[in-house]
């Protein structure tokens, strides 16, 4: 996310020059990061379910999945992703529109 924000600095500067508030920019960056995380979680949970069913057919006494563990893991990954998106989002809030436009 830090790389994406650094690449989009001029876009963020234009948005702020046209009237976007720092809260809207924060929400934009955080939303982009969490959207990517949600897609990854959906694919990961689907893969986990498929792998659990496959292992259940191969091994004796292995359950197909522990929903509590899957939910806890997904929640932990979502929390870590949110923390990882917070610093770049805060940095994007502080972009000076004039400096971003001049750098382009």
PDB file of N, CA and C in Angstrom:
ATOM      1  N   UNK A   1       0.821  -1.192   0.000  1.00  0.00           N
ATOM      2  CA  UNK A   1       0.000   0.000   0.000  1.00  0.00           C
ATOM      3  C   UNK A   1       0.864   1.255   0.000  1.00  0.00           C
ATOM      4  N   UNK A   2       2.000   1.193   0.675  1.00  0.00           N
ATOM      5  CA  UNK A   2       2.874   2.359   0.684  1.00  0.00           C
ATOM      6  C   UNK A   2       3.367   2.673  -0.729  1.00  0.00           C
ATOM      7  N   UNK A   3       3.672   1.638  -1.494  1.00  0.00           N
ATOM      8  CA  UNK A   3       4.123   1.833  -2.871  1.00  0.00           C
ATOM      9  C   UNK A   3       2.996   2.408  -3.729  1.00  0.00           C
ATOM     10  N   UNK A   4       1.794   1.892  -3.547  1.00  0.00           N
ATOM     11  CA  UNK A   4       0.645   2.376  -4.323  1.00  0.00           C
ATOM     12  C   UNK A   4       0.384   3.846  -4.008  1.00  0.00           C
ATOM     13  N   UNK A   5       0.464   4.208  -2.745  1.00  0.00           N
ATOM     14  CA  UNK A   5       0.244   5.609  -2.363  1.00  0.00           C
ATOM     15  C   UNK A   5       1.331   6.497  -2.948  1.00  0.00           C
ATOM     16  N   UNK A   6       2.582   6.027  -2.935  1.00  0.00           N
ATOM     17  CA  UNK A   6       3.650   6.852  -3.510  1.00  0.00           C
ATOM     18  C   UNK A   6       3.467   7.010  -5.017  1.00  0.00           C
ATOM     19  N   UNK A   7       2.939   5.987  -5.685  1.00  0.00           N
ATOM     20  CA  UNK A   7       2.685   6.085  -7.120  1.00  0.00           C
ATOM     21  C   UNK A   7       1.494   6.987  -7.430  1.00  0.00           C
ATOM     22  N   UNK A   8       0.555   7.068  -6.518  1.00  0.00           N
ATOM     23  CA  UNK A   8      -0.668   7.850  -6.745  1.00  0.00           C
ATOM     24  C   UNK A   8      -0.617   9.239  -6.098  1.00  0.00           C
ATOM     25  N   UNK A   9       0.552   9.695  -5.716  1.00  0.00           N
ATOM     26  CA  UNK A   9       0.666  10.989  -5.034  1.00  0.00           C
ATOM     27  C   UNK A   9       0.115  12.121  -5.886  1.00  0.00           C
ATOM     28  N   UNK A  10       0.404  12.115  -7.170  1.00  0.00           N
ATOM     29  CA  UNK A  10      -0.108  13.201  -8.019  1.00  0.00           C
ATOM     30  C   UNK A  10      -1.630  13.130  -8.140  1.00  0.00           C
ATOM     31  N   UNK A  11      -2.180  11.930  -8.234  1.00  0.00           N
ATOM     32  CA  UNK A  11      -3.638  11.783  -8.284  1.00  0.00           C
ATOM     33  C   UNK A  11      -4.277  12.293  -6.992  1.00  0.00           C
ATOM     34  N   UNK A  12      -3.662  11.938  -5.872  1.00  0.00           N
ATOM     35  CA  UNK A  12      -4.191  12.390  -4.582  1.00  0.00           C
ATOM     36  C   UNK A  12      -4.090  13.908  -4.477  1.00  0.00           C
ATOM     37  N   UNK A  13      -2.983  14.470  -4.992  1.00  0.00           N
ATOM     38  CA  UNK A  13      -2.835  15.923  -4.996  1.00  0.00           C
ATOM     39  C   UNK A  13      -3.907  16.607  -5.828  1.00  0.00           C
ATOM     40  N   UNK A  14      -4.231  16.032  -6.974  1.00  0.00           N
ATOM     41  CA  UNK A  14      -5.283  16.593  -7.827  1.00  0.00           C
ATOM     42  C   UNK A  14      -6.626  16.504  -7.110  1.00  0.00           C
ATOM     43  N   UNK A  15      -6.898  15.362  -6.501  1.00  0.00           N
ATOM     44  CA  UNK A  15      -8.164  15.207  -5.769  1.00  0.00           C
ATOM     45  C   UNK A  15      -8.295  16.257  -4.665  1.00  0.00           C
ATOM     46  N   UNK A  16      -7.196  16.467  -3.937  1.00  0.00           N
ATOM     47  CA  UNK A  16      -7.242  17.450  -2.849  1.00  0.00           C
ATOM     48  C   UNK A  16      -7.341  18.871  -3.392  1.00  0.00           C
ATOM     49  N   UNK A  17      -6.699  19.137  -4.537  1.00  0.00           N
ATOM     50  CA  UNK A  17      -6.784  20.465  -5.144  1.00  0.00           C
ATOM     51  C   UNK A  17      -8.203  20.750  -5.630  1.00  0.00           C
ATOM     52  N   UNK A  18      -8.918  19.702  -6.021  1.00  0.00           N
ATOM     53  CA  UNK A  18     -10.290  19.874  -6.495  1.00  0.00           C
ATOM     54  C   UNK A  18     -11.315  19.854  -5.368  1.00  0.00           C
ATOM     55  N   UNK A  19     -10.859  19.712  -4.137  1.00  0.00           N
ATOM     56  CA  UNK A  19     -11.776  19.839  -3.016  1.00  0.00           C
ATOM     57  C   UNK A  19     -11.984  18.618  -2.153  1.00  0.00           C
ATOM     58  N   UNK A  20     -11.284  17.550  -2.401  1.00  0.00           N
ATOM     59  CA  UNK A  20     -11.435  16.369  -1.553  1.00  0.00           C
ATOM     60  C   UNK A  20     -10.834  16.656  -0.174  1.00  0.00           C
ATOM     61  N   UNK A  21     -11.516  16.230   0.843  1.00  0.00           N
ATOM     62  CA  UNK A  21     -11.002  16.435   2.195  1.00  0.00           C
ATOM     63  C   UNK A  21     -10.011  15.330   2.536  1.00  0.00           C
ATOM     64  N   UNK A  22      -9.246  15.564   3.569  1.00  0.00           N
ATOM     65  CA  UNK A  22      -8.277  14.549   3.976  1.00  0.00           C
ATOM     66  C   UNK A  22      -8.990  13.290   4.453  1.00  0.00           C
ATOM     67  N   UNK A  23     -10.171  13.430   5.007  1.00  0.00           N
ATOM     68  CA  UNK A  23     -10.943  12.263   5.436  1.00  0.00           C
ATOM     69  C   UNK A  23     -11.350  11.402   4.231  1.00  0.00           C
ATOM     70  N   UNK A  24     -11.734  12.048   3.138  1.00  0.00           N
ATOM     71  CA  UNK A  24     -12.105  11.306   1.925  1.00  0.00           C
ATOM     72  C   UNK A  24     -10.901  10.581   1.331  1.00  0.00           C
ATOM     73  N   UNK A  25      -9.739  11.214   1.355  1.00  0.00           N
ATOM     74  CA  UNK A  25      -8.523  10.581   0.855  1.00  0.00           C
ATOM     75  C   UNK A  25      -8.152   9.393   1.739  1.00  0.00           C
ATOM     76  N   UNK A  26      -8.274   9.563   3.041  1.00  0.00           N
ATOM     77  CA  UNK A  26      -8.006   8.484   3.987  1.00  0.00           C
ATOM     78  C   UNK A  26      -8.922   7.296   3.699  1.00  0.00           C
ATOM     79  N   UNK A  27     -10.200   7.582   3.517  1.00  0.00           N
ATOM     80  CA  UNK A  27     -11.183   6.533   3.238  1.00  0.00           C
ATOM     81  C   UNK A  27     -10.883   5.845   1.901  1.00  0.00           C
ATOM     82  N   UNK A  28     -10.434   6.605   0.906  1.00  0.00           N
ATOM     83  CA  UNK A  28     -10.096   6.046  -0.397  1.00  0.00           C
ATOM     84  C   UNK A  28      -8.953   5.043  -0.288  1.00  0.00           C
ATOM     85  N   UNK A  29      -7.880   5.435   0.370  1.00  0.00           N
ATOM     86  CA  UNK A  29      -6.707   4.556   0.478  1.00  0.00           C
ATOM     87  C   UNK A  29      -7.023   3.348   1.352  1.00  0.00           C
ATOM     88  N   UNK A  30      -7.680   3.577   2.466  1.00  0.00           N
ATOM     89  CA  UNK A  30      -8.023   2.465   3.350  1.00  0.00           C
ATOM     90  C   UNK A  30      -9.002   1.517   2.661  1.00  0.00           C
ATOM     91  N   UNK A  31      -9.954   2.051   1.928  1.00  0.00           N
ATOM     92  CA  UNK A  31     -10.912   1.215   1.195  1.00  0.00           C
ATOM     93  C   UNK A  31     -10.243   0.366   0.129  1.00  0.00           C
ATOM     94  N   UNK A  32      -9.271   0.946  -0.590  1.00  0.00           N
ATOM     95  CA  UNK A  32      -8.555   0.170  -1.608  1.00  0.00           C
ATOM     96  C   UNK A  32      -7.803  -1.002  -0.979  1.00  0.00           C
ATOM     97  N   UNK A  33      -7.136  -0.730   0.121  1.00  0.00           N
ATOM     98  CA  UNK A  33      -6.380  -1.794   0.790  1.00  0.00           C
ATOM     99  C   UNK A  33      -7.281  -2.876   1.358  1.00  0.00           C
ATOM    100  N   UNK A  34      -8.379  -2.477   1.953  1.00  0.00           N
ATOM    101  CA  UNK A  34      -9.279  -3.465   2.544  1.00  0.00           C
ATOM    102  C   UNK A  34     -10.048  -4.232   1.462  1.00  0.00           C
ATOM    103  N   UNK A  35     -10.276  -3.618   0.333  1.00  0.00           N
ATOM    104  CA  UNK A  35     -10.918  -4.339  -0.777  1.00  0.00           C
ATOM    105  C   UNK A  35     -10.008  -5.464  -1.270  1.00  0.00           C
ATOM    106  N   UNK A  36      -8.718  -5.176  -1.404  1.00  0.00           N
ATOM    107  CA  UNK A  36      -7.768  -6.214  -1.799  1.00  0.00           C
ATOM    108  C   UNK A  36      -7.701  -7.326  -0.749  1.00  0.00           C
ATOM    109  N   UNK A  37      -7.749  -6.932   0.501  1.00  0.00           N
ATOM    110  CA  UNK A  37      -7.719  -7.915   1.580  1.00  0.00           C
ATOM    111  C   UNK A  37      -8.957  -8.797   1.556  1.00  0.00           C
ATOM    112  N   UNK A  38     -10.108  -8.213   1.311  1.00  0.00           N
ATOM    113  CA  UNK A  38     -11.352  -8.987   1.275  1.00  0.00           C
ATOM    114  C   UNK A  38     -11.322 -10.005   0.142  1.00  0.00           C
ATOM    115  N   UNK A  39     -10.816  -9.606  -1.014  1.00  0.00           N
ATOM    116  CA  UNK A  39     -10.711 -10.544  -2.131  1.00  0.00           C
ATOM    117  C   UNK A  39      -9.774 -11.697  -1.762  1.00  0.00           C
ATOM    118  N   UNK A  40      -8.658 -11.374  -1.150  1.00  0.00           N
ATOM    119  CA  UNK A  40      -7.720 -12.407  -0.726  1.00  0.00           C
ATOM    120  C   UNK A  40      -8.312 -13.334   0.318  1.00  0.00           C
ATOM    121  N   UNK A  41      -9.077 -12.777   1.250  1.00  0.00           N
ATOM    122  CA  UNK A  41      -9.709 -13.610   2.266  1.00  0.00           C
ATOM    123  C   UNK A  41     -10.751 -14.541   1.669  1.00  0.00           C
ATOM    124  N   UNK A  42     -11.533 -14.052   0.731  1.00  0.00           N
ATOM    125  CA  UNK A  42     -12.545 -14.906   0.097  1.00  0.00           C
ATOM    126  C   UNK A  42     -11.872 -16.059  -0.643  1.00  0.00           C
ATOM    127  N   UNK A  43     -10.830 -15.752  -1.399  1.00  0.00           N
ATOM    128  CA  UNK A  43     -10.110 -16.803  -2.123  1.00  0.00           C
ATOM    129  C   UNK A  43      -9.442 -17.771  -1.143  1.00  0.00           C
ATOM    130  N   UNK A  44      -8.854 -17.237  -0.080  1.00  0.00           N
ATOM    131  CA  UNK A  44      -8.185 -18.080   0.907  1.00  0.00           C
ATOM    132  C   UNK A  44      -9.141 -18.986   1.666  1.00  0.00           C
ATOM    133  N   UNK A  45     -10.287 -18.465   2.070  1.00  0.00           N
ATOM    134  CA  UNK A  45     -11.267 -19.283   2.787  1.00  0.00           C
ATOM    135  C   UNK A  45     -11.832 -20.354   1.871  1.00  0.00           C
ATOM    136  N   UNK A  46     -12.082 -20.002   0.612  1.00  0.00           N
ATOM    137  CA  UNK A  46     -12.577 -20.996  -0.345  1.00  0.00           C
ATOM    138  C   UNK A  46     -11.529 -22.095  -0.557  1.00  0.00           C
ATOM    139  N   UNK A  47     -10.286 -21.710  -0.665  1.00  0.00           N
ATOM    140  CA  UNK A  47      -9.208 -22.698  -0.803  1.00  0.00           C
ATOM    141  C   UNK A  47      -9.056 -23.548   0.438  1.00  0.00           C
ATOM    142  N   UNK A  48      -9.243 -22.953   1.593  1.00  0.00           N
ATOM    143  CA  UNK A  48      -9.170 -23.690   2.850  1.00  0.00           C
ATOM    144  C   UNK A  48     -10.283 -24.727   2.950  1.00  0.00           C
ATOM    145  N   UNK A  49     -11.475 -24.342   2.542  1.00  0.00           N
ATOM    146  CA  UNK A  49     -12.603 -25.286   2.572  1.00  0.00           C
ATOM    147  C   UNK A  49     -12.349 -26.441   1.607  1.00  0.00           C
ATOM    148  N   UNK A  50     -11.879 -26.108   0.406  1.00  0.00           N
ATOM    149  CA  UNK A  50     -11.596 -27.151  -0.586  1.00  0.00           C
ATOM    150  C   UNK A  50     -10.488 -28.083  -0.106  1.00  0.00           C
ATOM    151  N   UNK A  51      -9.429 -27.520   0.451  1.00  0.00           N
ATOM    152  CA  UNK A  51      -8.325 -28.346   0.941  1.00  0.00           C
ATOM    153  C   UNK A  51      -8.774 -29.208   2.118  1.00  0.00           C
ATOM    154  N   UNK A  52      -9.623 -28.657   2.985  1.00  0.00           N
ATOM    155  CA  UNK A  52     -10.122 -29.441   4.114  1.00  0.00           C
ATOM    156  C   UNK A  52     -10.947 -30.628   3.675  1.00  0.00           C
ATOM    157  N   UNK A  53     -11.787 -30.433   2.677  1.00  0.00           N
ATOM    158  CA  UNK A  53     -12.588 -31.543   2.161  1.00  0.00           C
ATOM    159  C   UNK A  53     -11.724 -32.578   1.466  1.00  0.00           C
ATOM    160  N   UNK A  54     -10.712 -32.108   0.751  1.00  0.00           N
ATOM    161  CA  UNK A  54      -9.812 -33.028   0.077  1.00  0.00           C
ATOM    162  C   UNK A  54      -9.032 -33.860   1.099  1.00  0.00           C
ATOM    163  N   UNK A  55      -8.516 -33.209   2.152  1.00  0.00           N
ATOM    164  CA  UNK A  55      -7.779 -33.930   3.187  1.00  0.00           C
ATOM    165  C   UNK A  55      -8.680 -34.888   3.956  1.00  0.00           C
ATOM    166  N   UNK A  56      -9.923 -34.511   4.136  1.00  0.00           N
ATOM    167  CA  UNK A  56     -10.866 -35.396   4.833  1.00  0.00           C
ATOM    168  C   UNK A  56     -11.059 -36.693   4.060  1.00  0.00           C
ATOM    169  N   UNK A  57     -11.053 -36.605   2.733  1.00  0.00           N
ATOM    170  CA  UNK A  57     -11.225 -37.819   1.935  1.00  0.00           C
ATOM    171  C   UNK A  57      -9.966 -38.683   1.929  1.00  0.00           C
ATOM    172  N   UNK A  58      -8.811 -38.090   2.208  1.00  0.00           N
ATOM    173  CA  UNK A  58      -7.555 -38.846   2.190  1.00  0.00           C
ATOM    174  C   UNK A  58      -7.156 -39.408   3.545  1.00  0.00           C
ATOM    175  N   UNK A  59      -7.482 -38.716   4.613  1.00  0.00           N
ATOM    176  CA  UNK A  59      -7.016 -39.099   5.943  1.00  0.00           C
ATOM    177  C   UNK A  59      -8.166 -39.542   6.833  1.00  0.00           C
ATOM    178  N   UNK A  60      -7.882 -40.479   7.693  1.00  0.00           N
ATOM    179  CA  UNK A  60      -8.884 -40.989   8.616  1.00  0.00           C
ATOM    180  C   UNK A  60      -8.914 -40.096   9.863  1.00  0.00           C
ATOM    181  N   UNK A  61     -10.085 -39.678  10.275  1.00  0.00           N
ATOM    182  CA  UNK A  61     -10.238 -38.927  11.515  1.00  0.00           C
ATOM    183  C   UNK A  61      -9.944 -37.438  11.408  1.00  0.00           C
ATOM    184  N   UNK A  62      -9.807 -36.925  10.223  1.00  0.00           N
ATOM    185  CA  UNK A  62      -9.545 -35.501  10.039  1.00  0.00           C
ATOM    186  C   UNK A  62     -10.856 -34.830   9.660  1.00  0.00           C
ATOM    187  N   UNK A  63     -11.210 -33.771  10.393  1.00  0.00           N
ATOM    188  CA  UNK A  63     -12.439 -33.031  10.096  1.00  0.00           C
ATOM    189  C   UNK A  63     -12.280 -32.178   8.851  1.00  0.00           C
ATOM    190  N   UNK A  64     -13.406 -31.768   8.302  1.00  0.00           N
ATOM    191  CA  UNK A  64     -13.346 -30.977   7.065  1.00  0.00           C
ATOM    192  C   UNK A  64     -13.017 -29.513   7.328  1.00  0.00           C
ATOM    193  N   UNK A  65     -13.191 -29.060   8.528  1.00  0.00           N
ATOM    194  CA  UNK A  65     -12.838 -27.671   8.814  1.00  0.00           C
ATOM    195  C   UNK A  65     -13.330 -27.238  10.176  1.00  0.00           C
ATOM    196  N   UNK A  66     -12.574 -26.392  10.793  1.00  0.00           N
ATOM    197  CA  UNK A  66     -12.945 -25.820  12.076  1.00  0.00           C
ATOM    198  C   UNK A  66     -13.338 -24.371  11.804  1.00  0.00           C
ATOM    199  N   UNK A  67     -14.636 -24.085  11.851  1.00  0.00           N
ATOM    200  CA  UNK A  67     -15.132 -22.766  11.468  1.00  0.00           C
ATOM    201  C   UNK A  67     -14.667 -21.678  12.424  1.00  0.00           C
ATOM    202  N   UNK A  68     -14.503 -22.015  13.694  1.00  0.00           N
ATOM    203  CA  UNK A  68     -14.036 -21.018  14.659  1.00  0.00           C
ATOM    204  C   UNK A  68     -12.604 -20.590  14.337  1.00  0.00           C
ATOM    205  N   UNK A  69     -11.749 -21.560  14.024  1.00  0.00           N
ATOM    206  CA  UNK A  69     -10.365 -21.247  13.679  1.00  0.00           C
ATOM    207  C   UNK A  69     -10.295 -20.457  12.373  1.00  0.00           C
ATOM    208  N   UNK A  70     -11.104 -20.830  11.410  1.00  0.00           N
ATOM    209  CA  UNK A  70     -11.119 -20.113  10.132  1.00  0.00           C
ATOM    210  C   UNK A  70     -11.575 -18.673  10.328  1.00  0.00           C
ATOM    211  N   UNK A  71     -12.611 -18.474  11.115  1.00  0.00           N
ATOM    212  CA  UNK A  71     -13.112 -17.118  11.374  1.00  0.00           C
ATOM    213  C   UNK A  71     -12.094 -16.292  12.159  1.00  0.00           C
ATOM    214  N   UNK A  72     -11.445 -16.920  13.144  1.00  0.00           N
ATOM    215  CA  UNK A  72     -10.440 -16.197  13.934  1.00  0.00           C
ATOM    216  C   UNK A  72      -9.246 -15.804  13.074  1.00  0.00           C
ATOM    217  N   UNK A  73      -8.828 -16.693  12.200  1.00  0.00           N
ATOM    218  CA  UNK A  73      -7.702 -16.399  11.315  1.00  0.00           C
ATOM    219  C   UNK A  73      -8.049 -15.288  10.333  1.00  0.00           C
ATOM    220  N   UNK A  74      -9.242 -15.357   9.767  1.00  0.00           N
ATOM    221  CA  UNK A  74      -9.668 -14.312   8.830  1.00  0.00           C
ATOM    222  C   UNK A  74      -9.769 -12.959   9.538  1.00  0.00           C
ATOM    223  N   UNK A  75     -10.277 -12.966  10.757  1.00  0.00           N
ATOM    224  CA  UNK A  75     -10.381 -11.717  11.526  1.00  0.00           C
ATOM    225  C   UNK A  75      -9.010 -11.136  11.837  1.00  0.00           C
ATOM    226  N   UNK A  76      -8.074 -12.001  12.194  1.00  0.00           N
ATOM    227  CA  UNK A  76      -6.717 -11.546  12.502  1.00  0.00           C
ATOM    228  C   UNK A  76      -6.047 -10.976  11.251  1.00  0.00           C
ATOM    229  N   UNK A  77      -6.211 -11.647  10.131  1.00  0.00           N
ATOM    230  CA  UNK A  77      -5.636 -11.138   8.888  1.00  0.00           C
ATOM    231  C   UNK A  77      -6.247  -9.802   8.482  1.00  0.00           C
ATOM    232  N   UNK A  78      -7.537  -9.648   8.701  1.00  0.00           N
ATOM    233  CA  UNK A  78      -8.206  -8.387   8.388  1.00  0.00           C
ATOM    234  C   UNK A  78      -7.687  -7.258   9.282  1.00  0.00           C
ATOM    235  N   UNK A  79      -7.482  -7.560  10.561  1.00  0.00           N
ATOM    236  CA  UNK A  79      -6.954  -6.553  11.485  1.00  0.00           C
ATOM    237  C   UNK A  79      -5.532  -6.147  11.119  1.00  0.00           C
ATOM    238  N   UNK A  80      -4.699  -7.107  10.758  1.00  0.00           N
ATOM    239  CA  UNK A  80      -3.319  -6.800  10.366  1.00  0.00           C
ATOM    240  C   UNK A  80      -3.297  -5.982   9.078  1.00  0.00           C
ATOM    241  N   UNK A  81      -4.165  -6.330   8.139  1.00  0.00           N
ATOM    242  CA  UNK A  81      -4.237  -5.575   6.881  1.00  0.00           C
ATOM    243  C   UNK A  81      -4.688  -4.144   7.135  1.00  0.00           C
ATOM    244  N   UNK A  82      -5.616  -3.970   8.061  1.00  0.00           N
ATOM    245  CA  UNK A  82      -6.072  -2.622   8.384  1.00  0.00           C
ATOM    246  C   UNK A  82      -4.939  -1.803   8.993  1.00  0.00           C
ATOM    247  N   UNK A  83      -4.177  -2.412   9.874  1.00  0.00           N
ATOM    248  CA  UNK A  83      -3.028  -1.710  10.455  1.00  0.00           C
ATOM    249  C   UNK A  83      -1.981  -1.390   9.388  1.00  0.00           C
ATOM    250  N   UNK A  84      -1.799  -2.302   8.441  1.00  0.00           N
ATOM    251  CA  UNK A  84      -0.817  -2.078   7.374  1.00  0.00           C
ATOM    252  C   UNK A  84      -1.260  -0.974   6.426  1.00  0.00           C
ATOM    253  N   UNK A  85      -2.554  -0.728   6.325  1.00  0.00           N
ATOM    254  CA  UNK A  85      -3.063   0.328   5.447  1.00  0.00           C
ATOM    255  C   UNK A  85      -3.138   1.681   6.149  1.00  0.00           C
ATOM    256  N   UNK A  86      -3.099   1.697   7.464  1.00  0.00           N
ATOM    257  CA  UNK A  86      -3.266   2.952   8.193  1.00  0.00           C
ATOM    258  C   UNK A  86      -2.127   3.935   7.946  1.00  0.00           C
ATOM    259  N   UNK A  87      -0.879   3.468   7.983  1.00  0.00           N
ATOM    260  CA  UNK A  87       0.248   4.388   7.802  1.00  0.00           C
ATOM    261  C   UNK A  87       0.271   5.021   6.408  1.00  0.00           C
ATOM    262  N   UNK A  88       0.131   4.247   5.334  1.00  0.00           N
ATOM    263  CA  UNK A  88       0.069   4.898   4.020  1.00  0.00           C
ATOM    264  C   UNK A  88      -1.142   5.820   3.873  1.00  0.00           C
ATOM    265  N   UNK A  89      -2.257   5.462   4.485  1.00  0.00           N
ATOM    266  CA  UNK A  89      -3.450   6.311   4.398  1.00  0.00           C
ATOM    267  C   UNK A  89      -3.222   7.628   5.134  1.00  0.00           C
ATOM    268  N   UNK A  90      -2.567   7.564   6.271  1.00  0.00           N
ATOM    269  CA  UNK A  90      -2.260   8.804   7.005  1.00  0.00           C
ATOM    270  C   UNK A  90      -1.279   9.667   6.220  1.00  0.00           C
ATOM    271  N   UNK A  91      -0.326   9.024   5.544  1.00  0.00           N
ATOM    272  CA  UNK A  91       0.617   9.784   4.732  1.00  0.00           C
ATOM    273  C   UNK A  91      -0.089  10.428   3.543  1.00  0.00           C
ATOM    274  N   UNK A  92      -1.055   9.740   2.974  1.00  0.00           N
ATOM    275  CA  UNK A  92      -1.806  10.296   1.847  1.00  0.00           C
ATOM    276  C   UNK A  92      -2.635  11.488   2.285  1.00  0.00           C
ATOM    277  N   UNK A  93      -3.095  11.492   3.527  1.00  0.00           N
ATOM    278  CA  UNK A  93      -3.876  12.625   4.035  1.00  0.00           C
ATOM    279  C   UNK A  93      -3.061  13.907   4.073  1.00  0.00           C
ATOM    280  N   UNK A  94      -1.758  13.766   4.237  1.00  0.00           N
ATOM    281  CA  UNK A  94      -0.893  14.929   4.420  1.00  0.00           C
ATOM    282  C   UNK A  94      -0.253  15.422   3.124  1.00  0.00           C
ATOM    283  N   UNK A  95      -0.698  14.905   1.994  1.00  0.00           N
ATOM    284  CA  UNK A  95      -0.127  15.332   0.710  1.00  0.00           C
ATOM    285  C   UNK A  95      -0.486  16.794   0.468  1.00  0.00           C
ATOM    286  N   UNK A  96       0.530  17.571   0.146  1.00  0.00           N
ATOM    287  CA  UNK A  96       0.317  18.976  -0.203  1.00  0.00           C
ATOM    288  C   UNK A  96      -0.061  19.031  -1.680  1.00  0.00           C
ATOM    289  N   UNK A  97      -1.252  19.524  -2.005  1.00  0.00           N
ATOM    290  CA  UNK A  97      -1.689  19.515  -3.410  1.00  0.00           C
ATOM    291  C   UNK A  97      -0.749  20.271  -4.336  1.00  0.00           C
ATOM    292  N   UNK A  98      -0.250  21.387  -3.909  1.00  0.00           N
ATOM    293  CA  UNK A  98       0.619  22.182  -4.782  1.00  0.00           C
ATOM    294  C   UNK A  98       1.952  21.475  -5.027  1.00  0.00           C
ATOM    295  N   UNK A  99       2.510  20.871  -3.991  1.00  0.00           N
ATOM    296  CA  UNK A  99       3.780  20.152  -4.167  1.00  0.00           C
ATOM    297  C   UNK A  99       3.583  18.931  -5.065  1.00  0.00           C
ATOM    298  N   UNK A 100       2.455  18.247  -4.932  1.00  0.00           N
ATOM    299  CA  UNK A 100       2.195  17.072  -5.768  1.00  0.00           C
ATOM    300  C   UNK A 100       2.004  17.472  -7.224  1.00  0.00           C
ATOM    301  N   UNK A 101       1.342  18.593  -7.455  1.00  0.00           N
ATOM    302  CA  UNK A 101       1.127  19.052  -8.829  1.00  0.00           C
ATOM    303  C   UNK A 101       2.416  19.570  -9.460  1.00  0.00           C
ATOM    304  N   UNK A 102       3.252  20.223  -8.659  1.00  0.00           N
ATOM    305  CA  UNK A 102       4.531  20.717  -9.165  1.00  0.00           C
ATOM    306  C   UNK A 102       5.475  19.568  -9.501  1.00  0.00           C
ATOM    307  N   UNK A 103       5.434  18.498  -8.732  1.00  0.00           N
ATOM    308  CA  UNK A 103       6.340  17.358  -8.962  1.00  0.00           C
ATOM    309  C   UNK A 103       6.019  16.649 -10.262  1.00  0.00           C
ATOM    310  N   UNK A 104       4.798  16.775 -10.718  1.00  0.00           N
ATOM    311  CA  UNK A 104       4.389  16.098 -11.949  1.00  0.00           C
ATOM    312  C   UNK A 104       4.918  16.880 -13.104  1.00  0.00           C
TER     313      UNK A 104
END
